[in-house]
Amino acid sequence: MLIKNTISSIAKLILPIFLVALGVYGIFTSMGIAMAIAFLLSLIFLILRFNYLPKPIIDRIVVKRMTKFSLGNYIAGFIGGLPVMVLPILITNSIGAKFSAYFYLDMMIANLLYIIPMATSQSLFAEGSYSEIELKVQLKKAIKIISFILIPAILVTSIFISIFFLSF
């Protein structure tokens, strides 16, 4: 998850430079291309590392039981992703494409930093579901991991972000 999200975020930062001529569509196209790249690299990793061969098999009973949960999860994910999808359009329509591009870059850099607590909390969730007894120990480890990685990442980003934006 961490590697996939990192690849996706880096691609989302780089691709708009090449798709700037498309305007707003370039932003959305870069997001789609970045997700496709991350998916394909994840699939290649699974095949090479774990000898995984995708064989789609549909079990109607399992699908029926998971539909309500999956639909709720999809709706929650969609609502959570609305700011990323809607705000660039609103900014472009109200103050222009240049400011929308700055906002987009800011958001992608922030999303790159968000990967650290998201990936760690997902690991904590998996560990907590495996052994509730050691949940406090795992929680403390997760907080330490997030702090030791995220705080320096925020500091480095804060220091170098002005240099990055001065290049535009």
N, C-alpha and C. Protein backbone atom coordinates (compact mmCIF):
# COMPACT_ATOMS: atom_id res chain seq x y z
N MET A 1 0.83 -1.19 0.00
CA MET A 1 0.00 0.00 0.00
C MET A 1 0.88 1.26 0.00
N LEU A 2 1.89 1.26 0.83
CA LEU A 2 2.77 2.43 0.92
C LEU A 2 3.46 2.68 -0.41
N ILE A 3 3.98 1.61 -1.02
CA ILE A 3 4.70 1.76 -2.29
C ILE A 3 3.74 2.20 -3.39
N LYS A 4 2.56 1.59 -3.45
CA LYS A 4 1.57 1.94 -4.47
C LYS A 4 1.16 3.40 -4.35
N ASN A 5 0.86 3.84 -3.14
CA ASN A 5 0.44 5.23 -2.93
C ASN A 5 1.57 6.21 -3.20
N THR A 6 2.79 5.83 -2.85
CA THR A 6 3.94 6.70 -3.12
C THR A 6 4.14 6.87 -4.62
N ILE A 7 4.09 5.76 -5.35
CA ILE A 7 4.24 5.82 -6.81
C ILE A 7 3.13 6.67 -7.41
N SER A 8 1.91 6.45 -6.96
CA SER A 8 0.77 7.22 -7.46
C SER A 8 0.95 8.71 -7.19
N SER A 9 1.35 9.07 -5.98
CA SER A 9 1.51 10.49 -5.63
C SER A 9 2.64 11.14 -6.41
N ILE A 10 3.74 10.44 -6.58
CA ILE A 10 4.86 11.00 -7.35
C ILE A 10 4.44 11.20 -8.81
N ALA A 11 3.73 10.22 -9.36
CA ALA A 11 3.26 10.35 -10.74
C ALA A 11 2.28 11.52 -10.87
N LYS A 12 1.43 11.71 -9.85
CA LYS A 12 0.48 12.84 -9.88
C LYS A 12 1.19 14.18 -9.80
N LEU A 13 2.37 14.21 -9.21
CA LEU A 13 3.14 15.46 -9.16
C LEU A 13 3.86 15.73 -10.48
N ILE A 14 4.32 14.68 -11.14
CA ILE A 14 5.12 14.84 -12.35
C ILE A 14 4.25 14.99 -13.60
N LEU A 15 3.20 14.19 -13.73
CA LEU A 15 2.40 14.17 -14.95
C LEU A 15 1.76 15.51 -15.33
N PRO A 16 1.28 16.32 -14.39
CA PRO A 16 0.68 17.60 -14.82
C PRO A 16 1.64 18.51 -15.59
N ILE A 17 2.92 18.37 -15.34
CA ILE A 17 3.91 19.18 -16.07
C ILE A 17 3.81 18.88 -17.57
N PHE A 18 3.60 17.60 -17.91
CA PHE A 18 3.52 17.19 -19.31
C PHE A 18 2.13 17.38 -19.90
N LEU A 19 1.13 17.49 -19.04
CA LEU A 19 -0.25 17.60 -19.52
C LEU A 19 -0.83 19.00 -19.30
N VAL A 20 0.02 19.98 -19.06
CA VAL A 20 -0.43 21.34 -18.77
C VAL A 20 -1.22 21.94 -19.94
N ALA A 21 -0.92 21.53 -21.14
CA ALA A 21 -1.63 22.06 -22.31
C ALA A 21 -3.11 21.67 -22.32
N LEU A 22 -3.46 20.62 -21.60
CA LEU A 22 -4.85 20.18 -21.54
C LEU A 22 -5.67 20.95 -20.52
N GLY A 23 -5.04 21.83 -19.77
CA GLY A 23 -5.75 22.62 -18.77
C GLY A 23 -6.27 21.76 -17.64
N VAL A 24 -7.54 21.97 -17.29
CA VAL A 24 -8.15 21.22 -16.19
C VAL A 24 -8.17 19.73 -16.51
N TYR A 25 -8.40 19.40 -17.77
CA TYR A 25 -8.44 17.99 -18.15
C TYR A 25 -7.09 17.31 -17.92
N GLY A 26 -6.03 18.07 -18.02
CA GLY A 26 -4.70 17.53 -17.75
C GLY A 26 -4.55 17.08 -16.32
N ILE A 27 -5.15 17.83 -15.38
CA ILE A 27 -5.09 17.45 -13.97
C ILE A 27 -5.79 16.12 -13.76
N PHE A 28 -7.00 16.00 -14.29
CA PHE A 28 -7.75 14.76 -14.09
C PHE A 28 -7.14 13.59 -14.86
N THR A 29 -6.61 13.88 -16.04
CA THR A 29 -5.94 12.83 -16.81
C THR A 29 -4.71 12.34 -16.06
N SER A 30 -3.97 13.24 -15.46
CA SER A 30 -2.77 12.84 -14.71
C SER A 30 -3.15 11.96 -13.53
N MET A 31 -4.29 12.24 -12.89
CA MET A 31 -4.73 11.40 -11.77
C MET A 31 -5.05 9.99 -12.26
N GLY A 32 -5.76 9.89 -13.37
CA GLY A 32 -6.11 8.58 -13.92
C GLY A 32 -4.88 7.79 -14.35
N ILE A 33 -3.97 8.45 -15.02
CA ILE A 33 -2.74 7.78 -15.47
C ILE A 33 -1.91 7.34 -14.26
N ALA A 34 -1.83 8.18 -13.23
CA ALA A 34 -1.06 7.84 -12.03
C ALA A 34 -1.65 6.60 -11.35
N MET A 35 -2.97 6.54 -11.25
CA MET A 35 -3.60 5.36 -10.64
C MET A 35 -3.36 4.11 -11.47
N ALA A 36 -3.43 4.24 -12.79
CA ALA A 36 -3.19 3.09 -13.67
C ALA A 36 -1.75 2.60 -13.54
N ILE A 37 -0.80 3.52 -13.48
CA ILE A 37 0.62 3.15 -13.31
C ILE A 37 0.81 2.42 -11.99
N ALA A 38 0.24 2.97 -10.91
CA ALA A 38 0.37 2.34 -9.59
C ALA A 38 -0.25 0.95 -9.58
N PHE A 39 -1.41 0.81 -10.22
CA PHE A 39 -2.07 -0.50 -10.28
C PHE A 39 -1.22 -1.51 -11.04
N LEU A 40 -0.73 -1.12 -12.21
CA LEU A 40 0.06 -2.05 -13.01
C LEU A 40 1.36 -2.44 -12.30
N LEU A 41 2.02 -1.48 -11.67
CA LEU A 41 3.25 -1.82 -10.94
C LEU A 41 2.96 -2.72 -9.75
N SER A 42 1.83 -2.51 -9.08
CA SER A 42 1.44 -3.39 -7.97
C SER A 42 1.16 -4.79 -8.46
N LEU A 43 0.49 -4.89 -9.60
CA LEU A 43 0.19 -6.20 -10.17
C LEU A 43 1.47 -6.93 -10.58
N ILE A 44 2.38 -6.21 -11.21
CA ILE A 44 3.67 -6.80 -11.59
C ILE A 44 4.43 -7.26 -10.35
N PHE A 45 4.41 -6.44 -9.30
CA PHE A 45 5.07 -6.82 -8.04
C PHE A 45 4.46 -8.11 -7.48
N LEU A 46 3.14 -8.21 -7.46
CA LEU A 46 2.49 -9.42 -6.94
C LEU A 46 2.86 -10.64 -7.76
N ILE A 47 2.90 -10.49 -9.07
CA ILE A 47 3.22 -11.61 -9.94
C ILE A 47 4.67 -12.06 -9.73
N LEU A 48 5.59 -11.11 -9.71
CA LEU A 48 7.01 -11.46 -9.59
C LEU A 48 7.39 -11.92 -8.18
N ARG A 49 6.88 -11.24 -7.17
CA ARG A 49 7.29 -11.53 -5.80
C ARG A 49 6.61 -12.75 -5.21
N PHE A 50 5.31 -12.91 -5.48
CA PHE A 50 4.54 -13.97 -4.83
C PHE A 50 4.03 -15.03 -5.80
N ASN A 51 4.48 -14.98 -7.03
CA ASN A 51 4.03 -15.94 -8.03
C ASN A 51 2.51 -15.94 -8.18
N TYR A 52 1.92 -14.78 -8.05
CA TYR A 52 0.47 -14.64 -8.10
C TYR A 52 0.02 -14.54 -9.54
N LEU A 53 -0.94 -15.37 -9.91
CA LEU A 53 -1.53 -15.29 -11.23
C LEU A 53 -3.00 -14.94 -11.08
N PRO A 54 -3.41 -13.77 -11.53
CA PRO A 54 -4.81 -13.38 -11.36
C PRO A 54 -5.74 -14.27 -12.17
N LYS A 55 -6.70 -14.88 -11.48
CA LYS A 55 -7.73 -15.69 -12.12
C LYS A 55 -9.08 -15.25 -11.56
N PRO A 56 -9.78 -14.41 -12.29
CA PRO A 56 -11.06 -13.93 -11.76
C PRO A 56 -12.09 -15.05 -11.64
N ILE A 57 -12.58 -15.26 -10.43
CA ILE A 57 -13.64 -16.23 -10.16
C ILE A 57 -14.72 -15.50 -9.37
N ILE A 58 -15.94 -15.57 -9.83
CA ILE A 58 -17.04 -14.86 -9.17
C ILE A 58 -17.93 -15.87 -8.46
N ASP A 59 -18.01 -15.75 -7.15
CA ASP A 59 -18.91 -16.56 -6.33
C ASP A 59 -20.10 -15.68 -5.96
N ARG A 60 -21.26 -15.97 -6.55
CA ARG A 60 -22.43 -15.12 -6.39
C ARG A 60 -22.87 -14.98 -4.93
N ILE A 61 -22.73 -16.02 -4.15
CA ILE A 61 -23.14 -15.96 -2.74
C ILE A 61 -22.26 -14.98 -1.97
N VAL A 62 -20.98 -15.06 -2.19
CA VAL A 62 -20.04 -14.15 -1.51
C VAL A 62 -20.29 -12.71 -1.97
N VAL A 63 -20.50 -12.53 -3.25
CA VAL A 63 -20.75 -11.18 -3.79
C VAL A 63 -22.01 -10.60 -3.17
N LYS A 64 -23.04 -11.40 -3.04
CA LYS A 64 -24.31 -10.93 -2.47
C LYS A 64 -24.13 -10.50 -1.02
N ARG A 65 -23.35 -11.26 -0.24
CA ARG A 65 -23.13 -10.91 1.17
C ARG A 65 -22.29 -9.65 1.32
N MET A 66 -21.39 -9.41 0.39
CA MET A 66 -20.48 -8.27 0.51
C MET A 66 -21.02 -6.99 -0.12
N THR A 67 -22.13 -7.07 -0.84
CA THR A 67 -22.62 -5.92 -1.59
C THR A 67 -22.92 -4.72 -0.70
N LYS A 68 -23.64 -4.91 0.40
CA LYS A 68 -24.01 -3.79 1.27
C LYS A 68 -22.76 -3.12 1.85
N PHE A 69 -21.85 -3.93 2.37
CA PHE A 69 -20.61 -3.39 2.93
C PHE A 69 -19.80 -2.67 1.86
N SER A 70 -19.66 -3.29 0.71
CA SER A 70 -18.86 -2.71 -0.37
C SER A 70 -19.47 -1.42 -0.88
N LEU A 71 -20.79 -1.39 -1.00
CA LEU A 71 -21.45 -0.18 -1.47
C LEU A 71 -21.24 0.97 -0.48
N GLY A 72 -21.39 0.68 0.80
CA GLY A 72 -21.15 1.70 1.83
C GLY A 72 -19.71 2.18 1.81
N ASN A 73 -18.78 1.26 1.65
CA ASN A 73 -17.36 1.60 1.58
C ASN A 73 -17.07 2.45 0.35
N TYR A 74 -17.68 2.11 -0.76
CA TYR A 74 -17.50 2.87 -2.00
C TYR A 74 -18.03 4.29 -1.84
N ILE A 75 -19.22 4.42 -1.28
CA ILE A 75 -19.82 5.75 -1.08
C ILE A 75 -18.95 6.59 -0.14
N ALA A 76 -18.48 5.98 0.94
CA ALA A 76 -17.61 6.71 1.88
C ALA A 76 -16.32 7.15 1.19
N GLY A 77 -15.72 6.29 0.40
CA GLY A 77 -14.50 6.64 -0.33
C GLY A 77 -14.75 7.74 -1.35
N PHE A 78 -15.90 7.67 -2.01
CA PHE A 78 -16.25 8.71 -2.99
C PHE A 78 -16.42 10.06 -2.32
N ILE A 79 -17.14 10.08 -1.20
CA ILE A 79 -17.34 11.33 -0.46
C ILE A 79 -16.00 11.86 0.06
N GLY A 80 -15.15 10.95 0.54
CA GLY A 80 -13.83 11.36 1.02
C GLY A 80 -12.96 11.92 -0.10
N GLY A 81 -13.17 11.47 -1.32
CA GLY A 81 -12.38 11.94 -2.46
C GLY A 81 -12.95 13.16 -3.16
N LEU A 82 -14.14 13.60 -2.75
CA LEU A 82 -14.76 14.75 -3.40
C LEU A 82 -13.91 16.02 -3.39
N PRO A 83 -13.26 16.36 -2.27
CA PRO A 83 -12.45 17.58 -2.31
C PRO A 83 -11.38 17.56 -3.40
N VAL A 84 -10.75 16.41 -3.60
CA VAL A 84 -9.70 16.31 -4.62
C VAL A 84 -10.30 16.47 -6.02
N MET A 85 -11.54 16.00 -6.19
CA MET A 85 -12.16 16.08 -7.51
C MET A 85 -12.83 17.42 -7.78
N VAL A 86 -13.45 18.01 -6.77
CA VAL A 86 -14.27 19.20 -6.98
C VAL A 86 -13.49 20.50 -6.79
N LEU A 87 -12.63 20.57 -5.80
CA LEU A 87 -11.94 21.83 -5.51
C LEU A 87 -11.12 22.38 -6.68
N PRO A 88 -10.37 21.54 -7.43
CA PRO A 88 -9.66 22.12 -8.59
C PRO A 88 -10.61 22.76 -9.61
N ILE A 89 -11.78 22.18 -9.79
CA ILE A 89 -12.75 22.76 -10.73
C ILE A 89 -13.26 24.10 -10.20
N LEU A 90 -13.61 24.13 -8.92
CA LEU A 90 -14.10 25.37 -8.32
C LEU A 90 -13.04 26.47 -8.37
N ILE A 91 -11.81 26.10 -8.07
CA ILE A 91 -10.72 27.08 -8.08
C ILE A 91 -10.46 27.58 -9.50
N THR A 92 -10.48 26.67 -10.47
CA THR A 92 -10.26 27.05 -11.86
C THR A 92 -11.35 28.01 -12.33
N ASN A 93 -12.60 27.70 -12.00
CA ASN A 93 -13.71 28.55 -12.44
C ASN A 93 -13.73 29.90 -11.73
N SER A 94 -13.25 29.95 -10.49
CA SER A 94 -13.35 31.21 -9.75
C SER A 94 -12.11 32.10 -9.89
N ILE A 95 -10.91 31.53 -9.81
CA ILE A 95 -9.71 32.40 -9.85
C ILE A 95 -8.68 31.99 -10.90
N GLY A 96 -8.94 30.94 -11.66
CA GLY A 96 -8.07 30.63 -12.79
C GLY A 96 -7.28 29.34 -12.66
N ALA A 97 -6.80 28.90 -13.82
CA ALA A 97 -6.09 27.62 -13.91
C ALA A 97 -4.74 27.65 -13.19
N LYS A 98 -4.07 28.80 -13.20
CA LYS A 98 -2.76 28.90 -12.55
C LYS A 98 -2.87 28.57 -11.06
N PHE A 99 -3.87 29.16 -10.40
CA PHE A 99 -4.04 28.93 -8.97
C PHE A 99 -4.55 27.52 -8.69
N SER A 100 -5.32 26.99 -9.64
CA SER A 100 -5.77 25.61 -9.51
C SER A 100 -4.58 24.65 -9.57
N ALA A 101 -3.62 24.96 -10.43
CA ALA A 101 -2.42 24.12 -10.52
C ALA A 101 -1.61 24.18 -9.23
N TYR A 102 -1.48 25.38 -8.65
CA TYR A 102 -0.78 25.50 -7.37
C TYR A 102 -1.49 24.71 -6.28
N PHE A 103 -2.80 24.83 -6.24
CA PHE A 103 -3.58 24.08 -5.26
C PHE A 103 -3.38 22.58 -5.46
N TYR A 104 -3.44 22.15 -6.71
CA TYR A 104 -3.29 20.73 -7.02
C TYR A 104 -1.93 20.22 -6.54
N LEU A 105 -0.88 20.97 -6.81
CA LEU A 105 0.45 20.56 -6.36
C LEU A 105 0.53 20.50 -4.83
N ASP A 106 -0.05 21.50 -4.17
CA ASP A 106 -0.08 21.47 -2.70
C ASP A 106 -0.81 20.24 -2.19
N MET A 107 -1.95 19.95 -2.81
CA MET A 107 -2.74 18.80 -2.36
C MET A 107 -1.99 17.49 -2.60
N MET A 108 -1.29 17.37 -3.72
CA MET A 108 -0.56 16.14 -4.01
C MET A 108 0.62 15.95 -3.05
N ILE A 109 1.28 17.05 -2.70
CA ILE A 109 2.36 16.96 -1.72
C ILE A 109 1.80 16.55 -0.36
N ALA A 110 0.67 17.14 0.02
CA ALA A 110 0.03 16.76 1.29
C ALA A 110 -0.39 15.29 1.25
N ASN A 111 -0.95 14.84 0.13
CA ASN A 111 -1.36 13.44 0.01
C ASN A 111 -0.17 12.50 0.13
N LEU A 112 0.97 12.92 -0.38
CA LEU A 112 2.18 12.12 -0.24
C LEU A 112 2.53 11.96 1.24
N LEU A 113 2.37 13.03 2.01
CA LEU A 113 2.63 12.95 3.45
C LEU A 113 1.55 12.16 4.18
N TYR A 114 0.31 12.22 3.69
CA TYR A 114 -0.79 11.47 4.33
C TYR A 114 -0.59 9.96 4.25
N ILE A 115 0.21 9.52 3.30
CA ILE A 115 0.43 8.08 3.13
C ILE A 115 1.03 7.46 4.40
N ILE A 116 1.89 8.21 5.06
CA ILE A 116 2.60 7.67 6.24
C ILE A 116 1.62 7.27 7.34
N PRO A 117 0.75 8.15 7.83
CA PRO A 117 -0.19 7.70 8.87
C PRO A 117 -1.24 6.71 8.36
N MET A 118 -1.64 6.85 7.08
CA MET A 118 -2.64 5.92 6.55
C MET A 118 -2.10 4.49 6.51
N ALA A 119 -0.92 4.31 5.96
CA ALA A 119 -0.34 2.97 5.86
C ALA A 119 -0.08 2.39 7.24
N THR A 120 0.42 3.22 8.15
CA THR A 120 0.70 2.75 9.51
C THR A 120 -0.58 2.37 10.24
N SER A 121 -1.63 3.17 10.08
CA SER A 121 -2.89 2.86 10.77
C SER A 121 -3.55 1.62 10.18
N GLN A 122 -3.38 1.38 8.89
CA GLN A 122 -3.92 0.15 8.31
C GLN A 122 -3.17 -1.06 8.85
N SER A 123 -1.88 -0.94 9.01
CA SER A 123 -1.11 -2.03 9.61
C SER A 123 -1.52 -2.25 11.06
N LEU A 124 -1.75 -1.15 11.78
CA LEU A 124 -2.22 -1.25 13.16
C LEU A 124 -3.58 -1.94 13.21
N PHE A 125 -4.46 -1.61 12.30
CA PHE A 125 -5.78 -2.24 12.24
C PHE A 125 -5.64 -3.74 12.02
N ALA A 126 -4.77 -4.13 11.11
CA ALA A 126 -4.55 -5.56 10.84
C ALA A 126 -3.97 -6.26 12.06
N GLU A 127 -2.98 -5.64 12.69
CA GLU A 127 -2.37 -6.23 13.89
C GLU A 127 -3.37 -6.29 15.04
N GLY A 128 -4.18 -5.25 15.19
CA GLY A 128 -5.18 -5.22 16.26
C GLY A 128 -6.25 -6.26 16.08
N SER A 129 -6.62 -6.55 14.84
CA SER A 129 -7.62 -7.58 14.60
C SER A 129 -7.05 -8.97 14.82
N TYR A 130 -5.74 -9.08 14.72
CA TYR A 130 -5.09 -10.37 14.94
C TYR A 130 -4.93 -10.66 16.43
N SER A 131 -4.53 -9.65 17.20
CA SER A 131 -4.29 -9.84 18.62
C SER A 131 -4.69 -8.58 19.39
N GLU A 132 -5.88 -8.60 19.99
CA GLU A 132 -6.36 -7.44 20.74
C GLU A 132 -5.58 -7.23 22.03
N ILE A 133 -4.97 -8.27 22.53
CA ILE A 133 -4.23 -8.18 23.80
C ILE A 133 -3.06 -7.21 23.68
N GLU A 134 -2.38 -7.23 22.56
CA GLU A 134 -1.21 -6.37 22.38
C GLU A 134 -1.55 -5.08 21.64
N LEU A 135 -2.81 -4.69 21.64
CA LEU A 135 -3.23 -3.50 20.91
C LEU A 135 -2.56 -2.23 21.43
N LYS A 136 -2.44 -2.09 22.76
CA LYS A 136 -1.78 -0.89 23.32
C LYS A 136 -0.32 -0.82 22.89
N VAL A 137 0.36 -1.96 22.90
CA VAL A 137 1.77 -2.00 22.48
C VAL A 137 1.87 -1.62 21.01
N GLN A 138 0.98 -2.20 20.20
CA GLN A 138 0.99 -1.90 18.76
C GLN A 138 0.66 -0.43 18.49
N LEU A 139 -0.28 0.13 19.27
CA LEU A 139 -0.65 1.53 19.12
C LEU A 139 0.54 2.44 19.42
N LYS A 140 1.27 2.14 20.49
CA LYS A 140 2.45 2.94 20.83
C LYS A 140 3.51 2.84 19.73
N LYS A 141 3.69 1.64 19.17
CA LYS A 141 4.64 1.47 18.07
C LYS A 141 4.21 2.29 16.86
N ALA A 142 2.91 2.25 16.57
CA ALA A 142 2.39 2.99 15.41
C ALA A 142 2.61 4.49 15.59
N ILE A 143 2.35 5.00 16.79
CA ILE A 143 2.55 6.42 17.06
C ILE A 143 4.03 6.79 16.89
N LYS A 144 4.91 5.94 17.38
CA LYS A 144 6.35 6.20 17.24
C LYS A 144 6.77 6.20 15.77
N ILE A 145 6.29 5.20 15.03
CA ILE A 145 6.64 5.11 13.61
C ILE A 145 6.16 6.35 12.86
N ILE A 146 4.90 6.71 13.10
CA ILE A 146 4.34 7.89 12.43
C ILE A 146 5.14 9.13 12.79
N SER A 147 5.45 9.29 14.07
CA SER A 147 6.19 10.48 14.52
C SER A 147 7.60 10.52 13.94
N PHE A 148 8.31 9.39 13.97
CA PHE A 148 9.69 9.37 13.49
C PHE A 148 9.80 9.57 11.98
N ILE A 149 8.76 9.21 11.25
CA ILE A 149 8.82 9.39 9.80
C ILE A 149 8.15 10.70 9.38
N LEU A 150 6.98 10.98 9.94
CA LEU A 150 6.19 12.13 9.48
C LEU A 150 6.79 13.48 9.88
N ILE A 151 7.27 13.60 11.09
CA ILE A 151 7.81 14.89 11.54
C ILE A 151 9.01 15.32 10.69
N PRO A 152 10.00 14.45 10.45
CA PRO A 152 11.10 14.87 9.55
C PRO A 152 10.61 15.14 8.12
N ALA A 153 9.64 14.34 7.66
CA ALA A 153 9.12 14.56 6.31
C ALA A 153 8.44 15.92 6.19
N ILE A 154 7.70 16.31 7.21
CA ILE A 154 7.05 17.62 7.22
C ILE A 154 8.11 18.73 7.26
N LEU A 155 9.13 18.55 8.08
CA LEU A 155 10.19 19.56 8.17
C LEU A 155 10.92 19.72 6.84
N VAL A 156 11.28 18.61 6.21
CA VAL A 156 11.97 18.66 4.93
C VAL A 156 11.07 19.31 3.87
N THR A 157 9.80 18.92 3.87
CA THR A 157 8.86 19.51 2.92
C THR A 157 8.73 21.00 3.15
N SER A 158 8.61 21.41 4.40
CA SER A 158 8.47 22.83 4.72
C SER A 158 9.69 23.64 4.28
N ILE A 159 10.86 23.05 4.41
CA ILE A 159 12.09 23.75 4.05
C ILE A 159 12.23 23.87 2.53
N PHE A 160 11.96 22.79 1.82
CA PHE A 160 12.22 22.76 0.38
C PHE A 160 11.03 23.13 -0.49
N ILE A 161 9.85 23.30 0.09
CA ILE A 161 8.67 23.59 -0.72
C ILE A 161 8.78 24.94 -1.42
N SER A 162 9.36 25.93 -0.74
CA SER A 162 9.48 27.25 -1.38
C SER A 162 10.43 27.19 -2.57
N ILE A 163 11.49 26.41 -2.44
CA ILE A 163 12.43 26.24 -3.56
C ILE A 163 11.73 25.56 -4.72
N PHE A 164 10.91 24.57 -4.41
CA PHE A 164 10.16 23.83 -5.44
C PHE A 164 9.21 24.77 -6.18
N PHE A 165 8.46 25.57 -5.44
CA PHE A 165 7.48 26.45 -6.08
C PHE A 165 8.12 27.64 -6.79
N LEU A 166 9.31 28.03 -6.39
CA LEU A 166 10.00 29.11 -7.09
C LEU A 166 10.42 28.69 -8.50
N SER A 167 10.50 27.38 -8.74
CA SER A 167 10.85 26.89 -10.07
C SER A 167 9.72 27.09 -11.06
N PHE A 168 8.52 27.40 -10.57
CA PHE A 168 7.38 27.65 -11.46
C PHE A 168 7.24 29.11 -11.64
